[in-house]
Amino acid sequence: MIVTLPDSMREWVELQARFEGYGTVDEYVAKVLLRHLEGTRDKIDQALIEGLESGDPVEVNEAFWKQLRLDVQTDIKKAKKESA
């Protein structure tokens, strides 16, 4: 993969790589991306845990979706009346 950066950013990345002791900029960028990926995974895991702990489970079936559509349509009609 080839990534083109503006000179000022390239210089900063090179400086960071040296400062943190990486042999190459590629190693530094890979580590930064890995940290980002791990952080994203942590956020997803936390959201899943929050969902599991949020209350009783709800069966998602056709009746659920039908009621949800009706609720949304009702909310839209109510919002339109209130804004008129």
N, C-alpha and C. Protein backbone atom coordinates (compact mmCIF):
# COMPACT_ATOMS: atom_id res chain seq x y z
N MET A 1 0.85 -1.16 0.00
CA MET A 1 0.00 0.00 0.00
C MET A 1 0.90 1.23 0.00
N ILE A 2 0.52 2.19 -0.79
CA ILE A 2 1.26 3.44 -0.84
C ILE A 2 0.34 4.55 -0.35
N VAL A 3 0.83 5.32 0.61
CA VAL A 3 0.06 6.44 1.16
C VAL A 3 0.87 7.70 0.91
N THR A 4 0.24 8.69 0.32
CA THR A 4 0.91 9.95 0.06
C THR A 4 0.41 10.98 1.07
N LEU A 5 1.35 11.60 1.77
CA LEU A 5 1.02 12.60 2.78
C LEU A 5 1.63 13.94 2.40
N PRO A 6 1.01 15.04 2.84
CA PRO A 6 1.66 16.33 2.65
C PRO A 6 3.01 16.33 3.38
N ASP A 7 3.94 17.13 2.91
CA ASP A 7 5.29 17.14 3.48
C ASP A 7 5.28 17.33 4.99
N SER A 8 4.47 18.28 5.47
CA SER A 8 4.48 18.56 6.91
C SER A 8 4.00 17.35 7.71
N MET A 9 3.00 16.64 7.20
CA MET A 9 2.50 15.47 7.90
C MET A 9 3.51 14.32 7.81
N ARG A 10 4.11 14.16 6.66
CA ARG A 10 5.11 13.10 6.48
C ARG A 10 6.26 13.31 7.46
N GLU A 11 6.72 14.56 7.59
CA GLU A 11 7.81 14.86 8.51
C GLU A 11 7.40 14.55 9.95
N TRP A 12 6.17 14.88 10.30
CA TRP A 12 5.68 14.62 11.66
C TRP A 12 5.62 13.12 11.92
N VAL A 13 5.12 12.35 10.96
CA VAL A 13 5.03 10.90 11.12
C VAL A 13 6.42 10.30 11.25
N GLU A 14 7.36 10.76 10.45
CA GLU A 14 8.73 10.26 10.53
C GLU A 14 9.33 10.57 11.90
N LEU A 15 9.08 11.77 12.40
CA LEU A 15 9.57 12.18 13.72
C LEU A 15 8.96 11.30 14.81
N GLN A 16 7.65 11.06 14.73
CA GLN A 16 6.99 10.22 15.72
C GLN A 16 7.53 8.80 15.70
N ALA A 17 7.77 8.28 14.52
CA ALA A 17 8.30 6.92 14.39
C ALA A 17 9.67 6.83 15.07
N ARG A 18 10.52 7.81 14.82
CA ARG A 18 11.85 7.81 15.44
C ARG A 18 11.73 7.99 16.95
N PHE A 19 10.89 8.93 17.38
CA PHE A 19 10.72 9.24 18.80
C PHE A 19 10.24 8.02 19.58
N GLU A 20 9.34 7.23 18.99
CA GLU A 20 8.79 6.06 19.67
C GLU A 20 9.64 4.80 19.44
N GLY A 21 10.75 4.95 18.73
CA GLY A 21 11.69 3.85 18.60
C GLY A 21 11.40 2.84 17.51
N TYR A 22 10.59 3.19 16.54
CA TYR A 22 10.31 2.27 15.44
C TYR A 22 11.41 2.36 14.40
N GLY A 23 11.70 1.24 13.79
CA GLY A 23 12.75 1.18 12.77
C GLY A 23 12.33 1.84 11.48
N THR A 24 11.04 1.77 11.17
CA THR A 24 10.55 2.37 9.93
C THR A 24 9.21 3.06 10.18
N VAL A 25 8.86 3.93 9.27
CA VAL A 25 7.56 4.59 9.33
C VAL A 25 6.45 3.56 9.16
N ASP A 26 6.68 2.56 8.32
CA ASP A 26 5.68 1.50 8.12
C ASP A 26 5.33 0.82 9.43
N GLU A 27 6.34 0.50 10.24
CA GLU A 27 6.10 -0.14 11.54
C GLU A 27 5.26 0.77 12.43
N TYR A 28 5.60 2.06 12.44
CA TYR A 28 4.87 3.03 13.27
C TYR A 28 3.41 3.13 12.83
N VAL A 29 3.20 3.28 11.53
CA VAL A 29 1.83 3.43 11.02
C VAL A 29 1.02 2.17 11.30
N ALA A 30 1.63 1.00 11.13
CA ALA A 30 0.93 -0.25 11.42
C ALA A 30 0.52 -0.30 12.89
N LYS A 31 1.40 0.13 13.79
CA LYS A 31 1.07 0.11 15.22
C LYS A 31 -0.05 1.10 15.54
N VAL A 32 -0.02 2.27 14.94
CA VAL A 32 -1.08 3.25 15.16
C VAL A 32 -2.42 2.69 14.68
N LEU A 33 -2.43 2.06 13.53
CA LEU A 33 -3.66 1.49 13.00
C LEU A 33 -4.15 0.33 13.87
N LEU A 34 -3.23 -0.47 14.37
CA LEU A 34 -3.60 -1.57 15.26
C LEU A 34 -4.23 -1.03 16.54
N ARG A 35 -3.65 0.01 17.11
CA ARG A 35 -4.23 0.64 18.32
C ARG A 35 -5.64 1.13 18.04
N HIS A 36 -5.82 1.74 16.88
CA HIS A 36 -7.15 2.24 16.51
C HIS A 36 -8.14 1.08 16.38
N LEU A 37 -7.72 0.01 15.73
CA LEU A 37 -8.57 -1.16 15.57
C LEU A 37 -8.95 -1.76 16.93
N GLU A 38 -7.98 -1.88 17.82
CA GLU A 38 -8.26 -2.41 19.15
C GLU A 38 -9.23 -1.52 19.90
N GLY A 39 -9.07 -0.21 19.77
CA GLY A 39 -9.99 0.73 20.42
C GLY A 39 -11.40 0.59 19.87
N THR A 40 -11.51 0.40 18.56
CA THR A 40 -12.82 0.21 17.94
C THR A 40 -13.46 -1.08 18.44
N ARG A 41 -12.68 -2.13 18.52
CA ARG A 41 -13.20 -3.40 19.03
C ARG A 41 -13.67 -3.26 20.48
N ASP A 42 -12.90 -2.51 21.28
CA ASP A 42 -13.30 -2.28 22.67
C ASP A 42 -14.63 -1.56 22.75
N LYS A 43 -14.82 -0.56 21.87
CA LYS A 43 -16.09 0.18 21.86
C LYS A 43 -17.25 -0.73 21.46
N ILE A 44 -17.03 -1.58 20.48
CA ILE A 44 -18.08 -2.52 20.04
C ILE A 44 -18.40 -3.49 21.17
N ASP A 45 -17.35 -4.02 21.81
CA ASP A 45 -17.57 -4.94 22.93
C ASP A 45 -18.37 -4.27 24.04
N GLN A 46 -18.03 -3.02 24.36
CA GLN A 46 -18.74 -2.30 25.41
C GLN A 46 -20.20 -2.08 25.03
N ALA A 47 -20.45 -1.74 23.77
CA ALA A 47 -21.84 -1.54 23.32
C ALA A 47 -22.63 -2.84 23.40
N LEU A 48 -22.00 -3.95 23.05
CA LEU A 48 -22.68 -5.24 23.14
C LEU A 48 -23.00 -5.59 24.60
N ILE A 49 -22.07 -5.33 25.49
CA ILE A 49 -22.31 -5.60 26.92
C ILE A 49 -23.44 -4.72 27.43
N GLU A 50 -23.43 -3.44 27.07
CA GLU A 50 -24.51 -2.54 27.48
C GLU A 50 -25.85 -3.04 26.96
N GLY A 51 -25.86 -3.52 25.73
CA GLY A 51 -27.11 -4.04 25.17
C GLY A 51 -27.59 -5.26 25.93
N LEU A 52 -26.68 -6.14 26.28
CA LEU A 52 -27.07 -7.34 27.02
C LEU A 52 -27.58 -7.01 28.42
N GLU A 53 -27.05 -5.95 29.00
CA GLU A 53 -27.43 -5.57 30.35
C GLU A 53 -28.57 -4.55 30.39
N SER A 54 -29.13 -4.20 29.23
CA SER A 54 -30.11 -3.11 29.16
C SER A 54 -31.52 -3.50 29.56
N GLY A 55 -31.77 -4.75 29.76
CA GLY A 55 -33.12 -5.15 30.17
C GLY A 55 -33.50 -6.48 29.57
N ASP A 56 -34.77 -6.77 29.70
CA ASP A 56 -35.27 -8.05 29.21
C ASP A 56 -35.15 -8.12 27.69
N PRO A 57 -34.86 -9.30 27.18
CA PRO A 57 -34.75 -9.44 25.72
C PRO A 57 -36.10 -9.26 25.04
N VAL A 58 -36.04 -8.81 23.81
CA VAL A 58 -37.24 -8.60 23.00
C VAL A 58 -37.12 -9.49 21.77
N GLU A 59 -38.16 -10.25 21.49
CA GLU A 59 -38.14 -11.08 20.29
C GLU A 59 -38.39 -10.19 19.08
N VAL A 60 -37.47 -10.22 18.15
CA VAL A 60 -37.59 -9.42 16.94
C VAL A 60 -38.14 -10.33 15.85
N ASN A 61 -39.40 -10.12 15.55
CA ASN A 61 -40.07 -10.92 14.53
C ASN A 61 -40.93 -9.98 13.68
N GLU A 62 -41.73 -10.52 12.81
CA GLU A 62 -42.54 -9.68 11.93
C GLU A 62 -43.48 -8.77 12.71
N ALA A 63 -44.05 -9.28 13.79
CA ALA A 63 -44.96 -8.46 14.62
C ALA A 63 -44.20 -7.28 15.23
N PHE A 64 -42.98 -7.52 15.66
CA PHE A 64 -42.15 -6.45 16.22
C PHE A 64 -41.95 -5.34 15.19
N TRP A 65 -41.54 -5.73 13.97
CA TRP A 65 -41.28 -4.74 12.92
C TRP A 65 -42.56 -4.01 12.52
N LYS A 66 -43.68 -4.72 12.47
CA LYS A 66 -44.95 -4.09 12.12
C LYS A 66 -45.30 -3.03 13.15
N GLN A 67 -45.17 -3.36 14.43
CA GLN A 67 -45.49 -2.39 15.49
C GLN A 67 -44.51 -1.22 15.45
N LEU A 68 -43.26 -1.49 15.20
CA LEU A 68 -42.26 -0.42 15.12
C LEU A 68 -42.60 0.55 13.99
N ARG A 69 -42.99 0.01 12.83
CA ARG A 69 -43.37 0.87 11.70
C ARG A 69 -44.57 1.75 12.08
N LEU A 70 -45.55 1.15 12.73
CA LEU A 70 -46.73 1.92 13.15
C LEU A 70 -46.35 3.01 14.14
N ASP A 71 -45.49 2.68 15.09
CA ASP A 71 -45.04 3.66 16.08
C ASP A 71 -44.31 4.83 15.41
N VAL A 72 -43.46 4.52 14.46
CA VAL A 72 -42.72 5.57 13.76
C VAL A 72 -43.67 6.45 12.96
N GLN A 73 -44.61 5.85 12.26
CA GLN A 73 -45.58 6.63 11.50
C GLN A 73 -46.39 7.53 12.43
N THR A 74 -46.78 7.03 13.59
CA THR A 74 -47.52 7.83 14.57
C THR A 74 -46.66 8.99 15.06
N ASP A 75 -45.40 8.72 15.36
CA ASP A 75 -44.50 9.78 15.83
C ASP A 75 -44.30 10.86 14.76
N ILE A 76 -44.21 10.45 13.50
CA ILE A 76 -44.04 11.42 12.40
C ILE A 76 -45.28 12.29 12.29
N LYS A 77 -46.45 11.69 12.34
CA LYS A 77 -47.70 12.47 12.25
C LYS A 77 -47.82 13.43 13.41
N LYS A 78 -47.45 12.98 14.59
CA LYS A 78 -47.50 13.83 15.79
C LYS A 78 -46.54 15.00 15.66
N ALA A 79 -45.33 14.74 15.17
CA ALA A 79 -44.34 15.80 15.00
C ALA A 79 -44.80 16.83 13.97
N LYS A 80 -45.44 16.36 12.89
CA LYS A 80 -45.93 17.28 11.88
C LYS A 80 -47.01 18.18 12.44
N LYS A 81 -47.92 17.63 13.25
CA LYS A 81 -48.99 18.42 13.86
C LYS A 81 -48.41 19.46 14.82
N GLU A 82 -47.43 19.06 15.59
CA GLU A 82 -46.83 19.97 16.55
C GLU A 82 -46.05 21.10 15.89
N SER A 83 -45.47 20.85 14.71
CA SER A 83 -44.68 21.88 14.03
C SER A 83 -45.55 22.78 13.17
N ALA A 84 -46.81 22.43 12.98
CA ALA A 84 -47.69 23.23 12.12
C ALA A 84 -48.21 24.44 12.84
